[in-house]
Amino acid sequence: MKSITCALVLGLGLLIAAPRVLAHEITIKGTVAGIEAARIQVKTGEESKGQQPTWFAIDPKTKIMRGKQALSLSDAKIAVGEPVILVVFHESNVPLKTLEIHLPARPSR
């Protein structure tokens, strides 16, 4: 009886934890290929011949960092061709969610 109870508790724990294991953050490194109000396109260099770079959704909760400074999308002035690092939340059967966009600091004038 004790072993059956332990097995049931362990099985229930695995069922609860499994979705969390499948859902995780991934880092995308590349250059900005396109930018719009609600999405950013990143060229990673891993695209197959003829394949377009991937678009990643941006929402108001997406944290945008230029150097060490947090900025709004409009203040960040993201330019095509500049290096970018995205932190994206990946969960199976759910669209990718961009959590953070990291851009290099602009040289001071």
C-alpha atoms as a PDB file:
ATOM      1  CA  MET A   1       0.000   0.000   0.000  1.00  0.00           C
ATOM      2  CA  LYS A   2       2.843   2.364   0.880  1.00  0.00           C
ATOM      3  CA  SER A   3       4.582   1.763  -2.445  1.00  0.00           C
ATOM      4  CA  ILE A   4       1.352   2.406  -4.383  1.00  0.00           C
ATOM      5  CA  THR A   5       0.868   5.710  -2.547  1.00  0.00           C
ATOM      6  CA  CYS A   6       4.468   6.710  -3.252  1.00  0.00           C
ATOM      7  CA  ALA A   7       4.069   5.822  -6.916  1.00  0.00           C
ATOM      8  CA  LEU A   8       0.868   7.866  -7.191  1.00  0.00           C
ATOM      9  CA  VAL A   9       2.466  10.887  -5.519  1.00  0.00           C
ATOM     10  CA  LEU A  10       5.533  10.602  -7.761  1.00  0.00           C
ATOM     11  CA  GLY A  11       3.366  10.230 -10.871  1.00  0.00           C
ATOM     12  CA  LEU A  12       1.265  13.255  -9.916  1.00  0.00           C
ATOM     13  CA  GLY A  13       4.441  15.273  -9.335  1.00  0.00           C
ATOM     14  CA  LEU A  14       5.729  14.359 -12.787  1.00  0.00           C
ATOM     15  CA  LEU A  15       2.442  15.358 -14.409  1.00  0.00           C
ATOM     16  CA  ILE A  16       2.568  18.745 -12.719  1.00  0.00           C
ATOM     17  CA  ALA A  17       6.271  19.332 -13.491  1.00  0.00           C
ATOM     18  CA  ALA A  18       6.292  18.054 -17.090  1.00  0.00           C
ATOM     19  CA  PRO A  19       4.853  21.209 -18.720  1.00  0.00           C
ATOM     20  CA  ARG A  20       7.403  23.332 -16.859  1.00  0.00           C
ATOM     21  CA  VAL A  21      10.235  21.188 -18.171  1.00  0.00           C
ATOM     22  CA  LEU A  22       8.952  21.510 -21.738  1.00  0.00           C
ATOM     23  CA  ALA A  23       8.532  25.284 -21.422  1.00  0.00           C
ATOM     24  CA  HIS A  24      11.804  27.198 -21.259  1.00  0.00           C
ATOM     25  CA  GLU A  25      13.648  30.347 -22.257  1.00  0.00           C
ATOM     26  CA  ILE A  26      15.895  30.317 -25.299  1.00  0.00           C
ATOM     27  CA  THR A  27      18.413  32.904 -26.471  1.00  0.00           C
ATOM     28  CA  ILE A  28      18.425  34.039 -30.104  1.00  0.00           C
ATOM     29  CA  LYS A  29      21.543  35.870 -31.351  1.00  0.00           C
ATOM     30  CA  GLY A  30      21.766  37.605 -34.691  1.00  0.00           C
ATOM     31  CA  THR A  31      21.183  40.860 -36.513  1.00  0.00           C
ATOM     32  CA  VAL A  32      17.991  42.825 -36.922  1.00  0.00           C
ATOM     33  CA  ALA A  33      16.495  42.063 -40.338  1.00  0.00           C
ATOM     34  CA  GLY A  34      13.245  43.956 -39.784  1.00  0.00           C
ATOM     35  CA  ILE A  35      11.410  45.880 -37.085  1.00  0.00           C
ATOM     36  CA  GLU A  36       7.742  46.757 -36.709  1.00  0.00           C
ATOM     37  CA  ALA A  37       5.609  47.973 -33.800  1.00  0.00           C
ATOM     38  CA  ALA A  38       4.572  44.451 -32.797  1.00  0.00           C
ATOM     39  CA  ARG A  39       7.439  42.255 -34.001  1.00  0.00           C
ATOM     40  CA  ILE A  40      11.162  42.020 -34.718  1.00  0.00           C
ATOM     41  CA  GLN A  41      12.823  39.922 -37.430  1.00  0.00           C
ATOM     42  CA  VAL A  42      16.195  38.387 -36.571  1.00  0.00           C
ATOM     43  CA  LYS A  43      18.680  36.898 -39.018  1.00  0.00           C
ATOM     44  CA  THR A  44      20.749  34.279 -37.199  1.00  0.00           C
ATOM     45  CA  GLY A  45      22.821  32.991 -40.117  1.00  0.00           C
ATOM     46  CA  GLU A  46      21.296  29.549 -39.632  1.00  0.00           C
ATOM     47  CA  GLU A  47      18.524  30.110 -42.169  1.00  0.00           C
ATOM     48  CA  SER A  48      18.403  27.682 -45.073  1.00  0.00           C
ATOM     49  CA  LYS A  49      18.951  29.041 -48.571  1.00  0.00           C
ATOM     50  CA  GLY A  50      15.825  30.943 -49.558  1.00  0.00           C
ATOM     51  CA  GLN A  51      14.421  30.892 -46.001  1.00  0.00           C
ATOM     52  CA  GLN A  52      13.396  34.237 -44.539  1.00  0.00           C
ATOM     53  CA  PRO A  53      14.629  35.234 -41.063  1.00  0.00           C
ATOM     54  CA  THR A  54      12.162  34.518 -38.246  1.00  0.00           C
ATOM     55  CA  TRP A  55       9.790  37.148 -36.857  1.00  0.00           C
ATOM     56  CA  PHE A  56       9.325  37.331 -33.078  1.00  0.00           C
ATOM     57  CA  ALA A  57       6.328  39.022 -31.459  1.00  0.00           C
ATOM     58  CA  ILE A  58       6.883  42.067 -29.242  1.00  0.00           C
ATOM     59  CA  ASP A  59       4.310  43.210 -26.686  1.00  0.00           C
ATOM     60  CA  PRO A  60       4.226  45.969 -24.033  1.00  0.00           C
ATOM     61  CA  LYS A  61       5.734  43.552 -21.478  1.00  0.00           C
ATOM     62  CA  THR A  62       8.843  42.937 -23.631  1.00  0.00           C
ATOM     63  CA  LYS A  63      11.853  44.467 -21.857  1.00  0.00           C
ATOM     64  CA  ILE A  64      14.106  46.387 -24.256  1.00  0.00           C
ATOM     65  CA  MET A  65      17.676  47.092 -23.182  1.00  0.00           C
ATOM     66  CA  ARG A  66      20.186  49.226 -25.056  1.00  0.00           C
ATOM     67  CA  GLY A  67      23.427  48.646 -23.201  1.00  0.00           C
ATOM     68  CA  LYS A  68      22.374  48.813 -19.546  1.00  0.00           C
ATOM     69  CA  GLN A  69      19.491  51.218 -20.139  1.00  0.00           C
ATOM     70  CA  ALA A  70      15.867  50.066 -20.327  1.00  0.00           C
ATOM     71  CA  LEU A  71      13.970  51.872 -23.089  1.00  0.00           C
ATOM     72  CA  SER A  72      10.626  51.848 -24.862  1.00  0.00           C
ATOM     73  CA  LEU A  73      10.526  50.432 -28.382  1.00  0.00           C
ATOM     74  CA  SER A  74      10.343  53.908 -29.908  1.00  0.00           C
ATOM     75  CA  ASP A  75      13.190  55.270 -27.745  1.00  0.00           C
ATOM     76  CA  ALA A  76      15.415  52.265 -28.509  1.00  0.00           C
ATOM     77  CA  LYS A  77      15.500  53.276 -32.194  1.00  0.00           C
ATOM     78  CA  ILE A  78      16.239  49.735 -33.342  1.00  0.00           C
ATOM     79  CA  ALA A  79      17.936  49.725 -36.756  1.00  0.00           C
ATOM     80  CA  VAL A  80      18.090  47.020 -39.403  1.00  0.00           C
ATOM     81  CA  GLY A  81      21.561  45.468 -39.454  1.00  0.00           C
ATOM     82  CA  GLU A  82      22.485  46.025 -35.820  1.00  0.00           C
ATOM     83  CA  PRO A  83      23.364  43.113 -33.536  1.00  0.00           C
ATOM     84  CA  VAL A  84      20.593  41.855 -31.267  1.00  0.00           C
ATOM     85  CA  ILE A  85      20.029  39.209 -28.618  1.00  0.00           C
ATOM     86  CA  LEU A  86      16.501  38.065 -27.802  1.00  0.00           C
ATOM     87  CA  VAL A  87      15.363  36.102 -24.776  1.00  0.00           C
ATOM     88  CA  VAL A  88      12.303  34.167 -25.905  1.00  0.00           C
ATOM     89  CA  PHE A  89       9.908  31.995 -23.915  1.00  0.00           C
ATOM     90  CA  HIS A  90       9.307  28.745 -25.762  1.00  0.00           C
ATOM     91  CA  GLU A  91       6.452  26.416 -24.913  1.00  0.00           C
ATOM     92  CA  SER A  92       5.141  23.673 -27.162  1.00  0.00           C
ATOM     93  CA  ASN A  93       1.921  24.483 -29.029  1.00  0.00           C
ATOM     94  CA  VAL A  94       2.110  28.152 -27.967  1.00  0.00           C
ATOM     95  CA  PRO A  95       3.497  31.037 -30.060  1.00  0.00           C
ATOM     96  CA  LEU A  96       6.965  32.239 -29.047  1.00  0.00           C
ATOM     97  CA  LYS A  97       6.898  35.162 -26.609  1.00  0.00           C
ATOM     98  CA  THR A  98       9.757  37.680 -26.644  1.00  0.00           C
ATOM     99  CA  LEU A  99      10.662  38.500 -23.039  1.00  0.00           C
ATOM    100  CA  GLU A 100      13.735  40.675 -23.641  1.00  0.00           C
ATOM    101  CA  ILE A 101      15.536  42.454 -26.480  1.00  0.00           C
ATOM    102  CA  HIS A 102      19.203  43.341 -25.870  1.00  0.00           C
ATOM    103  CA  LEU A 103      20.942  45.867 -28.114  1.00  0.00           C
ATOM    104  CA  PRO A 104      24.440  47.368 -27.984  1.00  0.00           C
ATOM    105  CA  ALA A 105      24.850  50.743 -26.280  1.00  0.00           C
ATOM    106  CA  ARG A 106      24.963  53.741 -28.581  1.00  0.00           C
ATOM    107  CA  PRO A 107      28.250  55.658 -28.532  1.00  0.00           C
ATOM    108  CA  SER A 108      27.944  58.868 -26.520  1.00  0.00           C
ATOM    109  CA  ARG A 109      28.222  62.077 -28.500  1.00  0.00           C
END
